[in-house]
């Protein structure tokens, strides 16, 4: 099946991984009344789940992608997940300048993958 190939599986796993990591890093901002210790503990537990997807993504992906390509994928996916989370969960707006900056970062990924 196409979704389980070494080319596609890492992308799917990194998307899932980044959803969990974004929740771990920024989800606690939705609960400012929670103690810092509670926020850290819950974030740490969520981050463990993130690692359960990130490690296989990188191990599977390394069969067909360089580590630089895998890291670039992770960063671009992370930005896409972050923007979505920031707008939908935290209710923040994204400015045109921020979108332009994210776009430039995504454009930079072209240099990592072009001719690789």
PDB file of N, CA and C in Angstrom:
ATOM      1  N   UNK A   1       0.837  -1.183   0.000  1.00  0.00           N
ATOM      2  CA  UNK A   1       0.000   0.000   0.000  1.00  0.00           C
ATOM      3  C   UNK A   1       0.882   1.248   0.000  1.00  0.00           C
ATOM      4  N   UNK A   2       0.482   2.252  -0.762  1.00  0.00           N
ATOM      5  CA  UNK A   2       1.267   3.471  -0.941  1.00  0.00           C
ATOM      6  C   UNK A   2       1.539   4.195   0.374  1.00  0.00           C
ATOM      7  N   UNK A   3       0.577   4.204   1.294  1.00  0.00           N
ATOM      8  CA  UNK A   3       0.732   4.945   2.547  1.00  0.00           C
ATOM      9  C   UNK A   3       1.793   4.354   3.468  1.00  0.00           C
ATOM     10  N   UNK A   4       2.176   3.117   3.214  1.00  0.00           N
ATOM     11  CA  UNK A   4       3.171   2.485   4.086  1.00  0.00           C
ATOM     12  C   UNK A   4       4.541   2.394   3.436  1.00  0.00           C
ATOM     13  N   UNK A   5       4.739   3.058   2.300  1.00  0.00           N
ATOM     14  CA  UNK A   5       6.057   3.037   1.668  1.00  0.00           C
ATOM     15  C   UNK A   5       7.021   3.913   2.463  1.00  0.00           C
ATOM     16  N   UNK A   6       8.315   3.645   2.347  1.00  0.00           N
ATOM     17  CA  UNK A   6       9.291   4.478   3.062  1.00  0.00           C
ATOM     18  C   UNK A   6       9.272   5.945   2.621  1.00  0.00           C
ATOM     19  N   UNK A   7       8.709   6.231   1.459  1.00  0.00           N
ATOM     20  CA  UNK A   7       8.607   7.610   1.003  1.00  0.00           C
ATOM     21  C   UNK A   7       7.442   8.343   1.671  1.00  0.00           C
ATOM     22  N   UNK A   8       6.339   7.665   1.919  1.00  0.00           N
ATOM     23  CA  UNK A   8       5.117   8.296   2.420  1.00  0.00           C
ATOM     24  C   UNK A   8       4.932   8.127   3.925  1.00  0.00           C
ATOM     25  N   UNK A   9       5.246   6.963   4.461  1.00  0.00           N
ATOM     26  CA  UNK A   9       5.034   6.697   5.894  1.00  0.00           C
ATOM     27  C   UNK A   9       5.681   7.741   6.802  1.00  0.00           C
ATOM     28  N   UNK A  10       6.928   8.165   6.525  1.00  0.00           N
ATOM     29  CA  UNK A  10       7.532   9.168   7.416  1.00  0.00           C
ATOM     30  C   UNK A  10       6.757  10.484   7.435  1.00  0.00           C
ATOM     31  N   UNK A  11       6.206  10.870   6.308  1.00  0.00           N
ATOM     32  CA  UNK A  11       5.445  12.111   6.238  1.00  0.00           C
ATOM     33  C   UNK A  11       4.202  12.004   7.118  1.00  0.00           C
ATOM     34  N   UNK A  12       3.485  10.903   6.991  1.00  0.00           N
ATOM     35  CA  UNK A  12       2.277  10.689   7.807  1.00  0.00           C
ATOM     36  C   UNK A  12       2.638  10.647   9.287  1.00  0.00           C
ATOM     37  N   UNK A  13       3.686   9.898   9.622  1.00  0.00           N
ATOM     38  CA  UNK A  13       4.102   9.790  11.023  1.00  0.00           C
ATOM     39  C   UNK A  13       4.581  11.134  11.576  1.00  0.00           C
ATOM     40  N   UNK A  14       5.263  11.927  10.750  1.00  0.00           N
ATOM     41  CA  UNK A  14       5.720  13.240  11.213  1.00  0.00           C
ATOM     42  C   UNK A  14       4.561  14.210  11.408  1.00  0.00           C
ATOM     43  N   UNK A  15       3.530  14.099  10.596  1.00  0.00           N
ATOM     44  CA  UNK A  15       2.342  14.936  10.817  1.00  0.00           C
ATOM     45  C   UNK A  15       1.719  14.595  12.167  1.00  0.00           C
ATOM     46  N   UNK A  16       1.530  13.309  12.423  1.00  0.00           N
ATOM     47  CA  UNK A  16       0.946  12.877  13.708  1.00  0.00           C
ATOM     48  C   UNK A  16       1.848  13.309  14.860  1.00  0.00           C
ATOM     49  N   UNK A  17       3.147  13.075  14.709  1.00  0.00           N
ATOM     50  CA  UNK A  17       4.119  13.455  15.725  1.00  0.00           C
ATOM     51  C   UNK A  17       4.032  14.941  16.048  1.00  0.00           C
ATOM     52  N   UNK A  18       3.962  15.767  15.020  1.00  0.00           N
ATOM     53  CA  UNK A  18       3.931  17.212  15.229  1.00  0.00           C
ATOM     54  C   UNK A  18       2.622  17.693  15.824  1.00  0.00           C
ATOM     55  N   UNK A  19       1.539  17.002  15.573  1.00  0.00           N
ATOM     56  CA  UNK A  19       0.275  17.349  16.241  1.00  0.00           C
ATOM     57  C   UNK A  19       0.443  17.170  17.744  1.00  0.00           C
ATOM     58  N   UNK A  20       1.018  16.054  18.153  1.00  0.00           N
ATOM     59  CA  UNK A  20       1.229  15.818  19.577  1.00  0.00           C
ATOM     60  C   UNK A  20       2.243  16.800  20.167  1.00  0.00           C
ATOM     61  N   UNK A  21       3.326  17.076  19.442  1.00  0.00           N
ATOM     62  CA  UNK A  21       4.337  17.978  19.982  1.00  0.00           C
ATOM     63  C   UNK A  21       3.792  19.401  20.112  1.00  0.00           C
ATOM     64  N   UNK A  22       3.005  19.824  19.156  1.00  0.00           N
ATOM     65  CA  UNK A  22       2.415  21.159  19.253  1.00  0.00           C
ATOM     66  C   UNK A  22       1.478  21.235  20.448  1.00  0.00           C
ATOM     67  N   UNK A  23       0.711  20.164  20.681  1.00  0.00           N
ATOM     68  CA  UNK A  23      -0.150  20.139  21.869  1.00  0.00           C
ATOM     69  C   UNK A  23       0.690  20.183  23.135  1.00  0.00           C
ATOM     70  N   UNK A  24       1.812  19.469  23.149  1.00  0.00           N
ATOM     71  CA  UNK A  24       2.670  19.448  24.338  1.00  0.00           C
ATOM     72  C   UNK A  24       3.299  20.818  24.587  1.00  0.00           C
ATOM     73  N   UNK A  25       3.746  21.480  23.538  1.00  0.00           N
ATOM     74  CA  UNK A  25       4.442  22.756  23.699  1.00  0.00           C
ATOM     75  C   UNK A  25       3.507  23.927  23.932  1.00  0.00           C
ATOM     76  N   UNK A  26       2.333  23.911  23.299  1.00  0.00           N
ATOM     77  CA  UNK A  26       1.470  25.093  23.339  1.00  0.00           C
ATOM     78  C   UNK A  26       0.082  24.855  23.917  1.00  0.00           C
ATOM     79  N   UNK A  27      -0.340  23.617  24.065  1.00  0.00           N
ATOM     80  CA  UNK A  27      -1.688  23.317  24.558  1.00  0.00           C
ATOM     81  C   UNK A  27      -1.949  23.851  25.951  1.00  0.00           C
ATOM     82  N   UNK A  28      -0.936  23.856  26.791  1.00  0.00           N
ATOM     83  CA  UNK A  28      -1.102  24.335  28.166  1.00  0.00           C
ATOM     84  C   UNK A  28      -1.444  25.826  28.223  1.00  0.00           C
ATOM     85  N   UNK A  29      -1.177  26.554  27.149  1.00  0.00           N
ATOM     86  CA  UNK A  29      -1.514  27.987  27.133  1.00  0.00           C
ATOM     87  C   UNK A  29      -3.016  28.212  27.195  1.00  0.00           C
ATOM     88  N   UNK A  30      -3.781  27.182  26.843  1.00  0.00           N
ATOM     89  CA  UNK A  30      -5.238  27.246  26.935  1.00  0.00           C
ATOM     90  C   UNK A  30      -5.710  27.177  28.383  1.00  0.00           C
ATOM     91  N   UNK A  31      -4.829  26.765  29.284  1.00  0.00           N
ATOM     92  CA  UNK A  31      -5.181  26.544  30.691  1.00  0.00           C
ATOM     93  C   UNK A  31      -4.237  27.333  31.609  1.00  0.00           C
ATOM     94  N   UNK A  32      -4.320  28.645  31.587  1.00  0.00           N
ATOM     95  CA  UNK A  32      -3.383  29.458  32.379  1.00  0.00           C
ATOM     96  C   UNK A  32      -3.517  29.256  33.886  1.00  0.00           C
ATOM     97  N   UNK A  33      -4.647  28.731  34.347  1.00  0.00           N
ATOM     98  CA  UNK A  33      -4.831  28.523  35.787  1.00  0.00           C
ATOM     99  C   UNK A  33      -4.109  27.264  36.281  1.00  0.00           C
ATOM    100  N   UNK A  34      -3.736  26.380  35.371  1.00  0.00           N
ATOM    101  CA  UNK A  34      -3.034  25.155  35.774  1.00  0.00           C
ATOM    102  C   UNK A  34      -1.655  25.524  36.310  1.00  0.00           C
ATOM    103  N   UNK A  35      -1.215  24.786  37.311  1.00  0.00           N
ATOM    104  CA  UNK A  35       0.114  25.065  37.865  1.00  0.00           C
ATOM    105  C   UNK A  35       1.192  24.724  36.843  1.00  0.00           C
ATOM    106  N   UNK A  36       2.344  25.318  37.016  1.00  0.00           N
ATOM    107  CA  UNK A  36       3.464  25.057  36.120  1.00  0.00           C
ATOM    108  C   UNK A  36       3.840  23.582  36.161  1.00  0.00           C
ATOM    109  N   UNK A  37       3.837  22.985  37.357  1.00  0.00           N
ATOM    110  CA  UNK A  37       4.183  21.572  37.500  1.00  0.00           C
ATOM    111  C   UNK A  37       3.189  20.693  36.743  1.00  0.00           C
ATOM    112  N   UNK A  38       1.901  21.023  36.828  1.00  0.00           N
ATOM    113  CA  UNK A  38       0.884  20.271  36.095  1.00  0.00           C
ATOM    114  C   UNK A  38       1.111  20.411  34.594  1.00  0.00           C
ATOM    115  N   UNK A  39       1.353  21.631  34.144  1.00  0.00           N
ATOM    116  CA  UNK A  39       1.591  21.873  32.716  1.00  0.00           C
ATOM    117  C   UNK A  39       2.804  21.084  32.225  1.00  0.00           C
ATOM    118  N   UNK A  40       3.859  21.071  33.010  1.00  0.00           N
ATOM    119  CA  UNK A  40       5.065  20.336  32.625  1.00  0.00           C
ATOM    120  C   UNK A  40       4.779  18.836  32.580  1.00  0.00           C
ATOM    121  N   UNK A  41       4.123  18.315  33.589  1.00  0.00           N
ATOM    122  CA  UNK A  41       3.838  16.878  33.640  1.00  0.00           C
ATOM    123  C   UNK A  41       2.968  16.413  32.483  1.00  0.00           C
ATOM    124  N   UNK A  42       1.914  17.151  32.212  1.00  0.00           N
ATOM    125  CA  UNK A  42       1.019  16.770  31.113  1.00  0.00           C
ATOM    126  C   UNK A  42       1.745  16.930  29.777  1.00  0.00           C
ATOM    127  N   UNK A  43       2.496  18.007  29.622  1.00  0.00           N
ATOM    128  CA  UNK A  43       3.239  18.222  28.380  1.00  0.00           C
ATOM    129  C   UNK A  43       4.267  17.107  28.154  1.00  0.00           C
ATOM    130  N   UNK A  44       4.907  16.685  29.214  1.00  0.00           N
ATOM    131  CA  UNK A  44       5.889  15.616  29.109  1.00  0.00           C
ATOM    132  C   UNK A  44       5.225  14.310  28.670  1.00  0.00           C
ATOM    133  N   UNK A  45       4.075  14.008  29.225  1.00  0.00           N
ATOM    134  CA  UNK A  45       3.341  12.792  28.837  1.00  0.00           C
ATOM    135  C   UNK A  45       2.931  12.842  27.363  1.00  0.00           C
ATOM    136  N   UNK A  46       2.485  14.004  26.919  1.00  0.00           N
ATOM    137  CA  UNK A  46       2.101  14.154  25.510  1.00  0.00           C
ATOM    138  C   UNK A  46       3.334  14.028  24.618  1.00  0.00           C
ATOM    139  N   UNK A  47       4.448  14.586  25.061  1.00  0.00           N
ATOM    140  CA  UNK A  47       5.684  14.513  24.277  1.00  0.00           C
ATOM    141  C   UNK A  47       6.159  13.066  24.124  1.00  0.00           C
ATOM    142  N   UNK A  48       5.906  12.229  25.121  1.00  0.00           N
ATOM    143  CA  UNK A  48       6.269  10.810  25.000  1.00  0.00           C
ATOM    144  C   UNK A  48       5.534  10.188  23.818  1.00  0.00           C
ATOM    145  N   UNK A  49       4.251  10.495  23.685  1.00  0.00           N
ATOM    146  CA  UNK A  49       3.467   9.971  22.559  1.00  0.00           C
ATOM    147  C   UNK A  49       4.062  10.492  21.246  1.00  0.00           C
ATOM    148  N   UNK A  50       4.463  11.756  21.246  1.00  0.00           N
ATOM    149  CA  UNK A  50       5.090  12.341  20.048  1.00  0.00           C
ATOM    150  C   UNK A  50       6.312  11.529  19.633  1.00  0.00           C
ATOM    151  N   UNK A  51       7.139  11.153  20.581  1.00  0.00           N
ATOM    152  CA  UNK A  51       8.338  10.380  20.276  1.00  0.00           C
ATOM    153  C   UNK A  51       7.989   9.016  19.691  1.00  0.00           C
ATOM    154  N   UNK A  52       6.861   8.453  20.100  1.00  0.00           N
ATOM    155  CA  UNK A  52       6.435   7.151  19.580  1.00  0.00           C
ATOM    156  C   UNK A  52       6.115   7.214  18.088  1.00  0.00           C
ATOM    157  N   UNK A  53       5.876   8.400  17.560  1.00  0.00           N
ATOM    158  CA  UNK A  53       5.664   8.581  16.123  1.00  0.00           C
ATOM    159  C   UNK A  53       6.919   9.131  15.437  1.00  0.00           C
ATOM    160  N   UNK A  54       7.650  10.007  16.101  1.00  0.00           N
ATOM    161  CA  UNK A  54       8.817  10.640  15.478  1.00  0.00           C
ATOM    162  C   UNK A  54       9.955   9.649  15.253  1.00  0.00           C
ATOM    163  N   UNK A  55      10.215   8.797  16.227  1.00  0.00           N
ATOM    164  CA  UNK A  55      11.325   7.852  16.083  1.00  0.00           C
ATOM    165  C   UNK A  55      11.089   6.895  14.918  1.00  0.00           C
ATOM    166  N   UNK A  56       9.906   6.252  14.818  1.00  0.00           N
ATOM    167  CA  UNK A  56       9.679   5.398  13.643  1.00  0.00           C
ATOM    168  C   UNK A  56       9.702   6.184  12.327  1.00  0.00           C
ATOM    169  N   UNK A  57       9.195   7.414  12.344  1.00  0.00           N
ATOM    170  CA  UNK A  57       9.219   8.226  11.121  1.00  0.00           C
ATOM    171  C   UNK A  57      10.642   8.390  10.616  1.00  0.00           C
ATOM    172  N   UNK A  58      11.547   8.690  11.520  1.00  0.00           N
ATOM    173  CA  UNK A  58      12.937   8.901  11.122  1.00  0.00           C
ATOM    174  C   UNK A  58      13.653   7.604  10.774  1.00  0.00           C
ATOM    175  N   UNK A  59      13.361   6.549  11.486  1.00  0.00           N
ATOM    176  CA  UNK A  59      14.007   5.262  11.183  1.00  0.00           C
ATOM    177  C   UNK A  59      13.545   4.723   9.837  1.00  0.00           C
ATOM    178  N   UNK A  60      12.237   4.800   9.578  1.00  0.00           N
ATOM    179  CA  UNK A  60      11.697   4.338   8.293  1.00  0.00           C
ATOM    180  C   UNK A  60      12.168   5.266   7.172  1.00  0.00           C
ATOM    181  N   UNK A  61      12.053   6.564   7.407  1.00  0.00           N
ATOM    182  CA  UNK A  61      12.401   7.543   6.383  1.00  0.00           C
ATOM    183  C   UNK A  61      13.861   7.553   6.007  1.00  0.00           C
ATOM    184  N   UNK A  62      14.736   7.187   6.940  1.00  0.00           N
ATOM    185  CA  UNK A  62      16.169   7.228   6.658  1.00  0.00           C
ATOM    186  C   UNK A  62      16.574   6.239   5.572  1.00  0.00           C
ATOM    187  N   UNK A  63      15.703   5.292   5.254  1.00  0.00           N
ATOM    188  CA  UNK A  63      15.986   4.361   4.162  1.00  0.00           C
ATOM    189  C   UNK A  63      15.965   5.069   2.804  1.00  0.00           C
ATOM    190  N   UNK A  64      15.225   6.178   2.724  1.00  0.00           N
ATOM    191  CA  UNK A  64      15.090   6.865   1.431  1.00  0.00           C
ATOM    192  C   UNK A  64      15.411   8.355   1.492  1.00  0.00           C
ATOM    193  N   UNK A  65      15.495   8.930   2.674  1.00  0.00           N
ATOM    194  CA  UNK A  65      15.780  10.354   2.825  1.00  0.00           C
ATOM    195  C   UNK A  65      17.037  10.548   3.654  1.00  0.00           C
ATOM    196  N   UNK A  66      17.761  11.626   3.396  1.00  0.00           N
ATOM    197  CA  UNK A  66      18.908  11.972   4.238  1.00  0.00           C
ATOM    198  C   UNK A  66      18.379  12.560   5.545  1.00  0.00           C
ATOM    199  N   UNK A  67      19.234  12.654   6.538  1.00  0.00           N
ATOM    200  CA  UNK A  67      18.793  13.249   7.800  1.00  0.00           C
ATOM    201  C   UNK A  67      18.437  14.721   7.606  1.00  0.00           C
ATOM    202  N   UNK A  68      19.140  15.408   6.717  1.00  0.00           N
ATOM    203  CA  UNK A  68      18.804  16.809   6.435  1.00  0.00           C
ATOM    204  C   UNK A  68      17.405  16.915   5.820  1.00  0.00           C
ATOM    205  N   UNK A  69      17.068  16.005   4.946  1.00  0.00           N
ATOM    206  CA  UNK A  69      15.730  16.002   4.349  1.00  0.00           C
ATOM    207  C   UNK A  69      14.662  15.688   5.392  1.00  0.00           C
ATOM    208  N   UNK A  70      14.935  14.718   6.249  1.00  0.00           N
ATOM    209  CA  UNK A  70      13.975  14.376   7.305  1.00  0.00           C
ATOM    210  C   UNK A  70      13.761  15.560   8.250  1.00  0.00           C
ATOM    211  N   UNK A  71      14.832  16.237   8.634  1.00  0.00           N
ATOM    212  CA  UNK A  71      14.721  17.395   9.520  1.00  0.00           C
ATOM    213  C   UNK A  71      13.959  18.520   8.830  1.00  0.00           C
ATOM    214  N   UNK A  72      14.214  18.731   7.559  1.00  0.00           N
ATOM    215  CA  UNK A  72      13.499  19.766   6.809  1.00  0.00           C
ATOM    216  C   UNK A  72      12.012  19.449   6.751  1.00  0.00           C
ATOM    217  N   UNK A  73      11.671  18.186   6.467  1.00  0.00           N
ATOM    218  CA  UNK A  73      10.263  17.770   6.464  1.00  0.00           C
ATOM    219  C   UNK A  73       9.620  18.070   7.810  1.00  0.00           C
ATOM    220  N   UNK A  74      10.328  17.693   8.870  1.00  0.00           N
ATOM    221  CA  UNK A  74       9.794  17.884  10.212  1.00  0.00           C
ATOM    222  C   UNK A  74       9.529  19.365  10.477  1.00  0.00           C
ATOM    223  N   UNK A  75      10.428  20.223  10.092  1.00  0.00           N
ATOM    224  CA  UNK A  75      10.267  21.656  10.360  1.00  0.00           C
ATOM    225  C   UNK A  75       9.108  22.254   9.569  1.00  0.00           C
ATOM    226  N   UNK A  76       8.979  21.888   8.312  1.00  0.00           N
ATOM    227  CA  UNK A  76       7.896  22.425   7.490  1.00  0.00           C
ATOM    228  C   UNK A  76       6.549  21.899   7.980  1.00  0.00           C
ATOM    229  N   UNK A  77       6.495  20.623   8.303  1.00  0.00           N
ATOM    230  CA  UNK A  77       5.263  20.048   8.865  1.00  0.00           C
ATOM    231  C   UNK A  77       4.943  20.730  10.187  1.00  0.00           C
ATOM    232  N   UNK A  78       5.968  20.946  11.008  1.00  0.00           N
ATOM    233  CA  UNK A  78       5.777  21.610  12.297  1.00  0.00           C
ATOM    234  C   UNK A  78       5.167  22.991  12.129  1.00  0.00           C
ATOM    235  N   UNK A  79       5.643  23.760  11.167  1.00  0.00           N
ATOM    236  CA  UNK A  79       5.079  25.090  10.918  1.00  0.00           C
ATOM    237  C   UNK A  79       3.616  25.005  10.488  1.00  0.00           C
ATOM    238  N   UNK A  80       3.316  24.076   9.601  1.00  0.00           N
ATOM    239  CA  UNK A  80       1.933  23.927   9.134  1.00  0.00           C
ATOM    240  C   UNK A  80       1.009  23.535  10.285  1.00  0.00           C
ATOM    241  N   UNK A  81       1.453  22.607  11.117  1.00  0.00           N
ATOM    242  CA  UNK A  81       0.648  22.186  12.268  1.00  0.00           C
ATOM    243  C   UNK A  81       0.515  23.344  13.254  1.00  0.00           C
ATOM    244  N   UNK A  82       1.613  24.061  13.493  1.00  0.00           N
ATOM    245  CA  UNK A  82       1.583  25.182  14.429  1.00  0.00           C
ATOM    246  C   UNK A  82       0.588  26.252  13.987  1.00  0.00           C
ATOM    247  N   UNK A  83       0.620  26.634  12.723  1.00  0.00           N
ATOM    248  CA  UNK A  83      -0.294  27.669  12.228  1.00  0.00           C
ATOM    249  C   UNK A  83      -1.741  27.210  12.420  1.00  0.00           C
ATOM    250  N   UNK A  84      -2.021  25.979  12.053  1.00  0.00           N
ATOM    251  CA  UNK A  84      -3.375  25.440  12.206  1.00  0.00           C
ATOM    252  C   UNK A  84      -3.801  25.441  13.667  1.00  0.00           C
ATOM    253  N   UNK A  85      -2.936  24.969  14.552  1.00  0.00           N
ATOM    254  CA  UNK A  85      -3.222  24.911  15.987  1.00  0.00           C
ATOM    255  C   UNK A  85      -3.411  26.305  16.568  1.00  0.00           C
ATOM    256  N   UNK A  86      -2.527  27.208  16.212  1.00  0.00           N
ATOM    257  CA  UNK A  86      -2.580  28.566  16.731  1.00  0.00           C
ATOM    258  C   UNK A  86      -3.908  29.245  16.391  1.00  0.00           C
ATOM    259  N   UNK A  87      -4.364  29.046  15.172  1.00  0.00           N
ATOM    260  CA  UNK A  87      -5.610  29.672  14.731  1.00  0.00           C
ATOM    261  C   UNK A  87      -6.828  28.954  15.300  1.00  0.00           C
ATOM    262  N   UNK A  88      -6.854  27.626  15.199  1.00  0.00           N
ATOM    263  CA  UNK A  88      -8.069  26.881  15.570  1.00  0.00           C
ATOM    264  C   UNK A  88      -8.212  26.635  17.071  1.00  0.00           C
ATOM    265  N   UNK A  89      -7.121  26.367  17.764  1.00  0.00           N
ATOM    266  CA  UNK A  89      -7.211  26.032  19.188  1.00  0.00           C
ATOM    267  C   UNK A  89      -6.990  27.261  20.070  1.00  0.00           C
ATOM    268  N   UNK A  90      -5.950  28.033  19.769  1.00  0.00           N
ATOM    269  CA  UNK A  90      -5.638  29.184  20.605  1.00  0.00           C
ATOM    270  C   UNK A  90      -6.385  30.441  20.180  1.00  0.00           C
ATOM    271  N   UNK A  91      -6.999  30.405  19.004  1.00  0.00           N
ATOM    272  CA  UNK A  91      -7.780  31.543  18.537  1.00  0.00           C
ATOM    273  C   UNK A  91      -6.944  32.755  18.161  1.00  0.00           C
ATOM    274  N   UNK A  92      -5.686  32.542  17.847  1.00  0.00           N
ATOM    275  CA  UNK A  92      -4.819  33.641  17.459  1.00  0.00           C
ATOM    276  C   UNK A  92      -4.874  33.825  15.945  1.00  0.00           C
ATOM    277  N   UNK A  93      -4.578  35.023  15.514  1.00  0.00           N
ATOM    278  CA  UNK A  93      -4.539  35.265  14.074  1.00  0.00           C
ATOM    279  C   UNK A  93      -3.080  35.216  13.613  1.00  0.00           C
ATOM    280  N   UNK A  94      -2.918  34.909  12.352  1.00  0.00           N
ATOM    281  CA  UNK A  94      -1.594  34.879  11.749  1.00  0.00           C
ATOM    282  C   UNK A  94      -1.512  36.066  10.793  1.00  0.00           C
ATOM    283  N   UNK A  95      -0.492  36.878  10.948  1.00  0.00           N
ATOM    284  CA  UNK A  95      -0.361  38.072  10.112  1.00  0.00           C
ATOM    285  C   UNK A  95       0.205  37.710   8.741  1.00  0.00           C
ATOM    286  N   UNK A  96       0.054  38.618   7.826  1.00  0.00           N
ATOM    287  CA  UNK A  96       0.610  38.437   6.485  1.00  0.00           C
ATOM    288  C   UNK A  96       2.133  38.308   6.547  1.00  0.00           C
ATOM    289  N   UNK A  97       2.770  39.075   7.432  1.00  0.00           N
ATOM    290  CA  UNK A  97       4.231  38.984   7.578  1.00  0.00           C
ATOM    291  C   UNK A  97       4.648  37.608   8.095  1.00  0.00           C
ATOM    292  N   UNK A  98       3.881  37.084   9.063  1.00  0.00           N
ATOM    293  CA  UNK A  98       4.200  35.749   9.576  1.00  0.00           C
ATOM    294  C   UNK A  98       4.035  34.708   8.475  1.00  0.00           C
ATOM    295  N   UNK A  99       2.933  34.789   7.729  1.00  0.00           N
ATOM    296  CA  UNK A  99       2.726  33.847   6.632  1.00  0.00           C
ATOM    297  C   UNK A  99       3.828  33.963   5.588  1.00  0.00           C
ATOM    298  N   UNK A 100       4.260  35.181   5.299  1.00  0.00           N
ATOM    299  CA  UNK A 100       5.352  35.375   4.345  1.00  0.00           C
ATOM    300  C   UNK A 100       6.636  34.731   4.863  1.00  0.00           C
ATOM    301  N   UNK A 101       6.914  34.923   6.144  1.00  0.00           N
ATOM    302  CA  UNK A 101       8.100  34.303   6.743  1.00  0.00           C
ATOM    303  C   UNK A 101       8.033  32.792   6.696  1.00  0.00           C
ATOM    304  N   UNK A 102       6.872  32.225   7.038  1.00  0.00           N
ATOM    305  CA  UNK A 102       6.703  30.772   6.958  1.00  0.00           C
ATOM    306  C   UNK A 102       6.861  30.301   5.517  1.00  0.00           C
ATOM    307  N   UNK A 103       6.338  31.086   4.582  1.00  0.00           N
ATOM    308  CA  UNK A 103       6.470  30.737   3.169  1.00  0.00           C
ATOM    309  C   UNK A 103       7.917  30.724   2.712  1.00  0.00           C
ATOM    310  N   UNK A 104       8.697  31.679   3.194  1.00  0.00           N
ATOM    311  CA  UNK A 104      10.117  31.700   2.841  1.00  0.00           C
ATOM    312  C   UNK A 104      10.850  30.479   3.413  1.00  0.00           C
ATOM    313  N   UNK A 105      10.476  30.096   4.618  1.00  0.00           N
ATOM    314  CA  UNK A 105      11.073  28.882   5.192  1.00  0.00           C
ATOM    315  C   UNK A 105      10.711  27.656   4.356  1.00  0.00           C
ATOM    316  N   UNK A 106       9.461  27.580   3.956  1.00  0.00           N
ATOM    317  CA  UNK A 106       9.022  26.459   3.121  1.00  0.00           C
ATOM    318  C   UNK A 106       9.748  26.490   1.775  1.00  0.00           C
ATOM    319  N   UNK A 107       9.921  27.675   1.215  1.00  0.00           N
ATOM    320  CA  UNK A 107      10.647  27.795  -0.052  1.00  0.00           C
ATOM    321  C   UNK A 107      12.092  27.322   0.120  1.00  0.00           C
ATOM    322  N   UNK A 108      12.671  27.578   1.286  1.00  0.00           N
ATOM    323  CA  UNK A 108      14.024  27.115   1.555  1.00  0.00           C
ATOM    324  C   UNK A 108      14.151  25.602   1.525  1.00  0.00           C
ATOM    325  N   UNK A 109      13.050  24.919   1.826  1.00  0.00           N
ATOM    326  CA  UNK A 109      13.077  23.450   1.774  1.00  0.00           C
ATOM    327  C   UNK A 109      13.377  22.951   0.369  1.00  0.00           C
ATOM    328  N   UNK A 110      13.031  23.748  -0.622  1.00  0.00           N
ATOM    329  CA  UNK A 110      13.293  23.375  -2.006  1.00  0.00           C
ATOM    330  C   UNK A 110      14.785  23.094  -2.219  1.00  0.00           C
ATOM    331  N   UNK A 111      15.638  23.907  -1.587  1.00  0.00           N
ATOM    332  CA  UNK A 111      17.079  23.731  -1.750  1.00  0.00           C
ATOM    333  C   UNK A 111      17.568  22.408  -1.144  1.00  0.00           C
ATOM    334  N   UNK A 112      16.888  21.957  -0.097  1.00  0.00           N
ATOM    335  CA  UNK A 112      17.272  20.699   0.551  1.00  0.00           C
ATOM    336  C   UNK A 112      16.892  19.502  -0.320  1.00  0.00           C
ATOM    337  N   UNK A 113      15.762  19.589  -0.998  1.00  0.00           N
ATOM    338  CA  UNK A 113      15.249  18.455  -1.761  1.00  0.00           C
ATOM    339  C   UNK A 113      15.611  18.500  -3.243  1.00  0.00           C
ATOM    340  N   UNK A 114      15.904  19.659  -3.775  1.00  0.00           N
ATOM    341  CA  UNK A 114      16.200  19.775  -5.197  1.00  0.00           C
ATOM    342  C   UNK A 114      17.490  19.032  -5.535  1.00  0.00           C
ATOM    343  N   UNK A 115      17.369  18.086  -6.415  1.00  0.00           N
ATOM    344  CA  UNK A 115      18.545  17.337  -6.883  1.00  0.00           C
ATOM    345  C   UNK A 115      19.112  16.374  -5.874  1.00  0.00           C
ATOM    346  N   UNK A 116      18.366  16.119  -4.811  1.00  0.00           N
ATOM    347  CA  UNK A 116      18.874  15.214  -3.770  1.00  0.00           C
ATOM    348  C   UNK A 116      18.819  13.771  -4.219  1.00  0.00           C
TER     349      UNK A 116
END
